[in-house]
Amino acid sequence: MDNSDRRIITSPYRRGADFGFLFGIYLSVMFFSSIFGKLLPLTGLLSLLLMLGVPVFIFIVLRRYNRELQGCATFPMMWMTGVVTFICGILISGTLLVIYMKWIEPGFVLSQLEGLVETGKKLPGTPVAEAGEIAARMIRANFIPTPIAIVTEIIMATIVSGSILSIIISAGFALLHKSQRRRGSSES
């Protein structure tokens, strides 16, 4: 491997983008399986399992990046790799969501709000009923969020939560590196 290849591998931005492409596919499957969960109940279960697997996916990505650098990845490098993975992944899946909600099923947002109203009516006195009432007022006021507005909110929430998750996992690796260095220096 020559030096130019080595720089590409060590770049947290490049590796985050590479991992982000895979993560975008992962998130797309997760989002669309939740959308189609009403038609095919097992896809709803798949969506839940994929949601629970997000921290595992990021852990595997950061561990792989750390191994590529032979255990020399620093905390900021791993954190940035995780953040870029989330950014690239959510941009890919967000684009697909906008396409779906805007052109494939244009009434998707309205049907979801109407479904929330109906569910709220079945569960009086619960937070779901309050959310249903808010959804009913939104429908009456014709205040239906656009697909791009919804996806923008999802993107922001994903980037923030992805950054926090990446910090936690990267900190774990950094502590592991620190303890390994201490053990190595105490054995010397």
C-alpha atoms as a PDB file:
ATOM      1  CA  MET A   1       0.000   0.000   0.000  1.00  0.00           C
ATOM      2  CA  ASP A   2       1.505   3.333  -0.994  1.00  0.00           C
ATOM      3  CA  ASN A   3       1.210   6.567   1.010  1.00  0.00           C
ATOM      4  CA  SER A   4      -1.716   7.977  -0.986  1.00  0.00           C
ATOM      5  CA  ASP A   5      -3.791   4.849  -0.230  1.00  0.00           C
ATOM      6  CA  ARG A   6      -2.866   5.118   3.452  1.00  0.00           C
ATOM      7  CA  ARG A   7      -4.154   8.711   3.631  1.00  0.00           C
ATOM      8  CA  ILE A   8      -7.490   7.691   2.141  1.00  0.00           C
ATOM      9  CA  ILE A   9      -7.916   4.911   4.688  1.00  0.00           C
ATOM     10  CA  THR A  10      -7.043   7.123   7.661  1.00  0.00           C
ATOM     11  CA  SER A  11      -9.380   9.939   6.650  1.00  0.00           C
ATOM     12  CA  PRO A  12     -12.383   9.855   8.974  1.00  0.00           C
ATOM     13  CA  TYR A  13     -14.377  11.818   6.411  1.00  0.00           C
ATOM     14  CA  ARG A  14     -13.718   9.366   3.595  1.00  0.00           C
ATOM     15  CA  ARG A  15     -14.330   6.297   5.758  1.00  0.00           C
ATOM     16  CA  GLY A  16     -17.437   7.922   7.244  1.00  0.00           C
ATOM     17  CA  ALA A  17     -18.785   8.554   3.744  1.00  0.00           C
ATOM     18  CA  ASP A  18     -18.048   4.967   2.729  1.00  0.00           C
ATOM     19  CA  PHE A  19     -19.747   3.605   5.832  1.00  0.00           C
ATOM     20  CA  GLY A  20     -22.512   6.202   5.384  1.00  0.00           C
ATOM     21  CA  PHE A  21     -23.467   4.724   2.031  1.00  0.00           C
ATOM     22  CA  LEU A  22     -24.085   1.357   3.707  1.00  0.00           C
ATOM     23  CA  PHE A  23     -25.834   3.077   6.592  1.00  0.00           C
ATOM     24  CA  GLY A  24     -28.078   4.912   4.126  1.00  0.00           C
ATOM     25  CA  ILE A  25     -29.219   1.578   2.733  1.00  0.00           C
ATOM     26  CA  TYR A  26     -29.711   0.314   6.294  1.00  0.00           C
ATOM     27  CA  LEU A  27     -31.796   3.354   7.288  1.00  0.00           C
ATOM     28  CA  SER A  28     -33.820   3.174   4.071  1.00  0.00           C
ATOM     29  CA  VAL A  29     -34.750  -0.429   4.774  1.00  0.00           C
ATOM     30  CA  MET A  30     -35.614   0.566   8.355  1.00  0.00           C
ATOM     31  CA  PHE A  31     -37.815   3.503   7.338  1.00  0.00           C
ATOM     32  CA  PHE A  32     -39.600   1.722   4.516  1.00  0.00           C
ATOM     33  CA  SER A  33     -40.205  -1.388   6.584  1.00  0.00           C
ATOM     34  CA  SER A  34     -41.932   0.807   9.183  1.00  0.00           C
ATOM     35  CA  ILE A  35     -43.994   2.500   6.456  1.00  0.00           C
ATOM     36  CA  PHE A  36     -45.136  -0.838   5.050  1.00  0.00           C
ATOM     37  CA  GLY A  37     -45.678  -2.324   8.512  1.00  0.00           C
ATOM     38  CA  LYS A  38     -49.384  -1.594   8.199  1.00  0.00           C
ATOM     39  CA  LEU A  39     -49.658  -3.825   5.118  1.00  0.00           C
ATOM     40  CA  LEU A  40     -47.143  -6.483   6.149  1.00  0.00           C
ATOM     41  CA  PRO A  41     -46.927  -6.776   9.955  1.00  0.00           C
ATOM     42  CA  LEU A  42     -43.588  -8.595   9.883  1.00  0.00           C
ATOM     43  CA  THR A  43     -41.950  -5.575   8.256  1.00  0.00           C
ATOM     44  CA  GLY A  44     -42.945  -3.588  11.352  1.00  0.00           C
ATOM     45  CA  LEU A  45     -41.010  -6.084  13.449  1.00  0.00           C
ATOM     46  CA  LEU A  46     -38.069  -5.813  11.050  1.00  0.00           C
ATOM     47  CA  SER A  47     -38.144  -2.041  11.478  1.00  0.00           C
ATOM     48  CA  LEU A  48     -38.034  -2.384  15.263  1.00  0.00           C
ATOM     49  CA  LEU A  49     -35.097  -4.791  15.076  1.00  0.00           C
ATOM     50  CA  LEU A  50     -33.249  -2.455  12.716  1.00  0.00           C
ATOM     51  CA  MET A  51     -33.841   0.477  15.094  1.00  0.00           C
ATOM     52  CA  LEU A  52     -32.351  -1.508  17.944  1.00  0.00           C
ATOM     53  CA  GLY A  53     -29.438  -2.460  15.685  1.00  0.00           C
ATOM     54  CA  VAL A  54     -28.324   1.107  14.929  1.00  0.00           C
ATOM     55  CA  PRO A  55     -25.895   1.300  17.908  1.00  0.00           C
ATOM     56  CA  VAL A  56     -24.528  -2.128  16.947  1.00  0.00           C
ATOM     57  CA  PHE A  57     -24.024  -0.975  13.353  1.00  0.00           C
ATOM     58  CA  ILE A  58     -22.137   2.143  14.481  1.00  0.00           C
ATOM     59  CA  PHE A  59     -20.062   0.132  16.957  1.00  0.00           C
ATOM     60  CA  ILE A  60     -19.039  -2.273  14.163  1.00  0.00           C
ATOM     61  CA  VAL A  61     -18.203   0.647  11.856  1.00  0.00           C
ATOM     62  CA  LEU A  62     -16.015   2.353  14.462  1.00  0.00           C
ATOM     63  CA  ARG A  63     -14.348  -0.901  15.485  1.00  0.00           C
ATOM     64  CA  ARG A  64     -13.559  -1.629  11.840  1.00  0.00           C
ATOM     65  CA  TYR A  65     -12.116   1.848  11.366  1.00  0.00           C
ATOM     66  CA  ASN A  66     -10.045   1.419  14.523  1.00  0.00           C
ATOM     67  CA  ARG A  67      -8.716  -1.917  13.263  1.00  0.00           C
ATOM     68  CA  GLU A  68      -7.866  -0.422   9.863  1.00  0.00           C
ATOM     69  CA  LEU A  69      -5.689   2.044  11.738  1.00  0.00           C
ATOM     70  CA  GLN A  70      -4.224  -0.804  13.800  1.00  0.00           C
ATOM     71  CA  GLY A  71      -5.704   0.493  17.039  1.00  0.00           C
ATOM     72  CA  CYS A  72      -4.274   3.990  16.590  1.00  0.00           C
ATOM     73  CA  ALA A  73      -7.506   5.839  15.839  1.00  0.00           C
ATOM     74  CA  THR A  74      -7.978   8.791  18.157  1.00  0.00           C
ATOM     75  CA  PHE A  75     -11.206   9.800  19.849  1.00  0.00           C
ATOM     76  CA  PRO A  76     -11.848  12.736  17.460  1.00  0.00           C
ATOM     77  CA  MET A  77     -11.156  10.547  14.410  1.00  0.00           C
ATOM     78  CA  MET A  78     -13.617   7.880  15.507  1.00  0.00           C
ATOM     79  CA  TRP A  79     -16.224  10.427  16.576  1.00  0.00           C
ATOM     80  CA  MET A  80     -15.995  12.231  13.235  1.00  0.00           C
ATOM     81  CA  THR A  81     -16.212   8.921  11.367  1.00  0.00           C
ATOM     82  CA  GLY A  82     -19.438   8.168  13.239  1.00  0.00           C
ATOM     83  CA  VAL A  83     -20.883  11.632  12.614  1.00  0.00           C
ATOM     84  CA  VAL A  84     -20.086  11.524   8.885  1.00  0.00           C
ATOM     85  CA  THR A  85     -21.563   8.016   8.717  1.00  0.00           C
ATOM     86  CA  PHE A  86     -24.809   9.343  10.194  1.00  0.00           C
ATOM     87  CA  ILE A  87     -24.860  12.434   7.963  1.00  0.00           C
ATOM     88  CA  CYS A  88     -24.274  10.527   4.739  1.00  0.00           C
ATOM     89  CA  GLY A  89     -26.643   7.739   5.732  1.00  0.00           C
ATOM     90  CA  ILE A  90     -29.531  10.013   6.646  1.00  0.00           C
ATOM     91  CA  LEU A  91     -29.050  12.120   3.508  1.00  0.00           C
ATOM     92  CA  ILE A  92     -29.391   9.010   1.341  1.00  0.00           C
ATOM     93  CA  SER A  93     -32.426   7.635   3.171  1.00  0.00           C
ATOM     94  CA  GLY A  94     -33.947  11.115   3.560  1.00  0.00           C
ATOM     95  CA  THR A  95     -33.782  11.643  -0.177  1.00  0.00           C
ATOM     96  CA  LEU A  96     -35.600   8.368  -0.743  1.00  0.00           C
ATOM     97  CA  LEU A  97     -38.211   9.311   1.875  1.00  0.00           C
ATOM     98  CA  VAL A  98     -38.883  12.660   0.209  1.00  0.00           C
ATOM     99  CA  ILE A  99     -39.246  10.961  -3.169  1.00  0.00           C
ATOM    100  CA  TYR A 100     -41.670   8.453  -1.664  1.00  0.00           C
ATOM    101  CA  MET A 101     -43.784  10.987   0.241  1.00  0.00           C
ATOM    102  CA  LYS A 102     -43.822  13.592  -2.513  1.00  0.00           C
ATOM    103  CA  TRP A 103     -44.213  11.604  -5.722  1.00  0.00           C
ATOM    104  CA  ILE A 104     -44.981   7.944  -4.996  1.00  0.00           C
ATOM    105  CA  GLU A 105     -47.590   8.402  -2.240  1.00  0.00           C
ATOM    106  CA  PRO A 106     -48.416  12.130  -2.087  1.00  0.00           C
ATOM    107  CA  GLY A 107     -51.188  11.646   0.488  1.00  0.00           C
ATOM    108  CA  PHE A 108     -48.908   9.833   2.933  1.00  0.00           C
ATOM    109  CA  VAL A 109     -48.571  12.648   5.489  1.00  0.00           C
ATOM    110  CA  LEU A 110     -52.299  13.376   5.534  1.00  0.00           C
ATOM    111  CA  SER A 111     -53.147   9.679   5.901  1.00  0.00           C
ATOM    112  CA  GLN A 112     -50.744   9.401   8.836  1.00  0.00           C
ATOM    113  CA  LEU A 113     -52.350  12.390  10.548  1.00  0.00           C
ATOM    114  CA  GLU A 114     -55.831  10.956   9.953  1.00  0.00           C
ATOM    115  CA  GLY A 115     -54.666   7.618  11.370  1.00  0.00           C
ATOM    116  CA  LEU A 116     -53.374   9.405  14.464  1.00  0.00           C
ATOM    117  CA  VAL A 117     -56.745  11.137  14.899  1.00  0.00           C
ATOM    118  CA  GLU A 118     -58.568   7.790  14.695  1.00  0.00           C
ATOM    119  CA  THR A 119     -56.165   6.100  17.111  1.00  0.00           C
ATOM    120  CA  GLY A 120     -56.504   9.021  19.534  1.00  0.00           C
ATOM    121  CA  LYS A 121     -60.288   8.662  19.531  1.00  0.00           C
ATOM    122  CA  LYS A 122     -59.923   5.008  20.562  1.00  0.00           C
ATOM    123  CA  LEU A 123     -57.659   5.870  23.512  1.00  0.00           C
ATOM    124  CA  PRO A 124     -59.285   8.799  25.381  1.00  0.00           C
ATOM    125  CA  GLY A 125     -57.375  10.388  28.222  1.00  0.00           C
ATOM    126  CA  THR A 126     -53.947   9.273  26.964  1.00  0.00           C
ATOM    127  CA  PRO A 127     -51.074  11.171  25.370  1.00  0.00           C
ATOM    128  CA  VAL A 128     -52.080   9.504  22.084  1.00  0.00           C
ATOM    129  CA  ALA A 129     -55.504  11.164  22.388  1.00  0.00           C
ATOM    130  CA  GLU A 130     -53.796  14.542  22.879  1.00  0.00           C
ATOM    131  CA  ALA A 131     -51.603  13.924  19.834  1.00  0.00           C
ATOM    132  CA  GLY A 132     -54.722  12.932  17.889  1.00  0.00           C
ATOM    133  CA  GLU A 133     -56.420  16.166  18.885  1.00  0.00           C
ATOM    134  CA  ILE A 134     -53.403  18.170  17.719  1.00  0.00           C
ATOM    135  CA  ALA A 135     -53.425  16.230  14.431  1.00  0.00           C
ATOM    136  CA  ALA A 136     -57.158  16.985  14.013  1.00  0.00           C
ATOM    137  CA  ARG A 137     -56.511  20.703  14.500  1.00  0.00           C
ATOM    138  CA  MET A 138     -53.663  20.560  11.994  1.00  0.00           C
ATOM    139  CA  ILE A 139     -55.968  18.947   9.422  1.00  0.00           C
ATOM    140  CA  ARG A 140     -58.758  21.505  10.038  1.00  0.00           C
ATOM    141  CA  ALA A 141     -56.275  24.380   9.710  1.00  0.00           C
ATOM    142  CA  ASN A 142     -54.787  22.775   6.591  1.00  0.00           C
ATOM    143  CA  PHE A 143     -51.406  22.865   8.337  1.00  0.00           C
ATOM    144  CA  ILE A 144     -50.033  19.674   6.820  1.00  0.00           C
ATOM    145  CA  PRO A 145     -46.231  19.497   6.955  1.00  0.00           C
ATOM    146  CA  THR A 146     -44.499  19.018   3.626  1.00  0.00           C
ATOM    147  CA  PRO A 147     -42.372  15.923   3.046  1.00  0.00           C
ATOM    148  CA  ILE A 148     -39.207  18.038   2.933  1.00  0.00           C
ATOM    149  CA  ALA A 149     -40.095  19.651   6.295  1.00  0.00           C
ATOM    150  CA  ILE A 150     -40.632  16.240   7.877  1.00  0.00           C
ATOM    151  CA  VAL A 151     -37.419  14.822   6.456  1.00  0.00           C
ATOM    152  CA  THR A 152     -35.469  17.922   7.503  1.00  0.00           C
ATOM    153  CA  GLU A 153     -36.587  17.355  11.097  1.00  0.00           C
ATOM    154  CA  ILE A 154     -35.630  13.690  10.842  1.00  0.00           C
ATOM    155  CA  ILE A 155     -32.210  14.662   9.479  1.00  0.00           C
ATOM    156  CA  MET A 156     -31.566  17.103  12.332  1.00  0.00           C
ATOM    157  CA  ALA A 157     -32.687  14.632  14.993  1.00  0.00           C
ATOM    158  CA  THR A 158     -30.601  11.860  13.444  1.00  0.00           C
ATOM    159  CA  ILE A 159     -27.453  13.958  13.240  1.00  0.00           C
ATOM    160  CA  VAL A 160     -27.746  15.063  16.880  1.00  0.00           C
ATOM    161  CA  SER A 161     -28.524  11.589  18.208  1.00  0.00           C
ATOM    162  CA  GLY A 162     -25.870  10.071  15.920  1.00  0.00           C
ATOM    163  CA  SER A 163     -23.282  12.492  17.230  1.00  0.00           C
ATOM    164  CA  ILE A 164     -24.131  11.585  20.822  1.00  0.00           C
ATOM    165  CA  LEU A 165     -24.021   7.861  20.041  1.00  0.00           C
ATOM    166  CA  SER A 166     -20.685   8.287  18.241  1.00  0.00           C
ATOM    167  CA  ILE A 167     -19.260  10.202  21.204  1.00  0.00           C
ATOM    168  CA  ILE A 168     -20.240   7.415  23.600  1.00  0.00           C
ATOM    169  CA  ILE A 169     -18.839   4.613  21.448  1.00  0.00           C
ATOM    170  CA  SER A 170     -15.693   6.567  20.558  1.00  0.00           C
ATOM    171  CA  ALA A 171     -15.116   7.353  24.234  1.00  0.00           C
ATOM    172  CA  GLY A 172     -15.287   3.623  24.960  1.00  0.00           C
ATOM    173  CA  PHE A 173     -12.590   2.947  22.389  1.00  0.00           C
ATOM    174  CA  ALA A 174     -10.496   5.858  23.693  1.00  0.00           C
ATOM    175  CA  LEU A 175     -10.687   4.479  27.237  1.00  0.00           C
ATOM    176  CA  LEU A 176      -9.729   1.050  25.932  1.00  0.00           C
ATOM    177  CA  HIS A 177      -6.699   2.543  24.151  1.00  0.00           C
ATOM    178  CA  LYS A 178      -5.717   4.425  27.306  1.00  0.00           C
ATOM    179  CA  SER A 179      -5.874   1.300  29.462  1.00  0.00           C
ATOM    180  CA  GLN A 180      -3.868  -0.655  26.874  1.00  0.00           C
ATOM    181  CA  ARG A 181      -1.186   2.052  26.864  1.00  0.00           C
ATOM    182  CA  ARG A 182      -1.053   2.011  30.674  1.00  0.00           C
ATOM    183  CA  ARG A 183      -0.714  -1.784  30.696  1.00  0.00           C
ATOM    184  CA  GLY A 184       2.018  -1.563  28.052  1.00  0.00           C
ATOM    185  CA  SER A 185       3.948   1.093  29.997  1.00  0.00           C
ATOM    186  CA  SER A 186       3.611  -0.772  33.319  1.00  0.00           C
ATOM    187  CA  GLU A 187       4.959  -3.974  31.743  1.00  0.00           C
ATOM    188  CA  SER A 188       8.017  -2.124  30.415  1.00  0.00           C
END
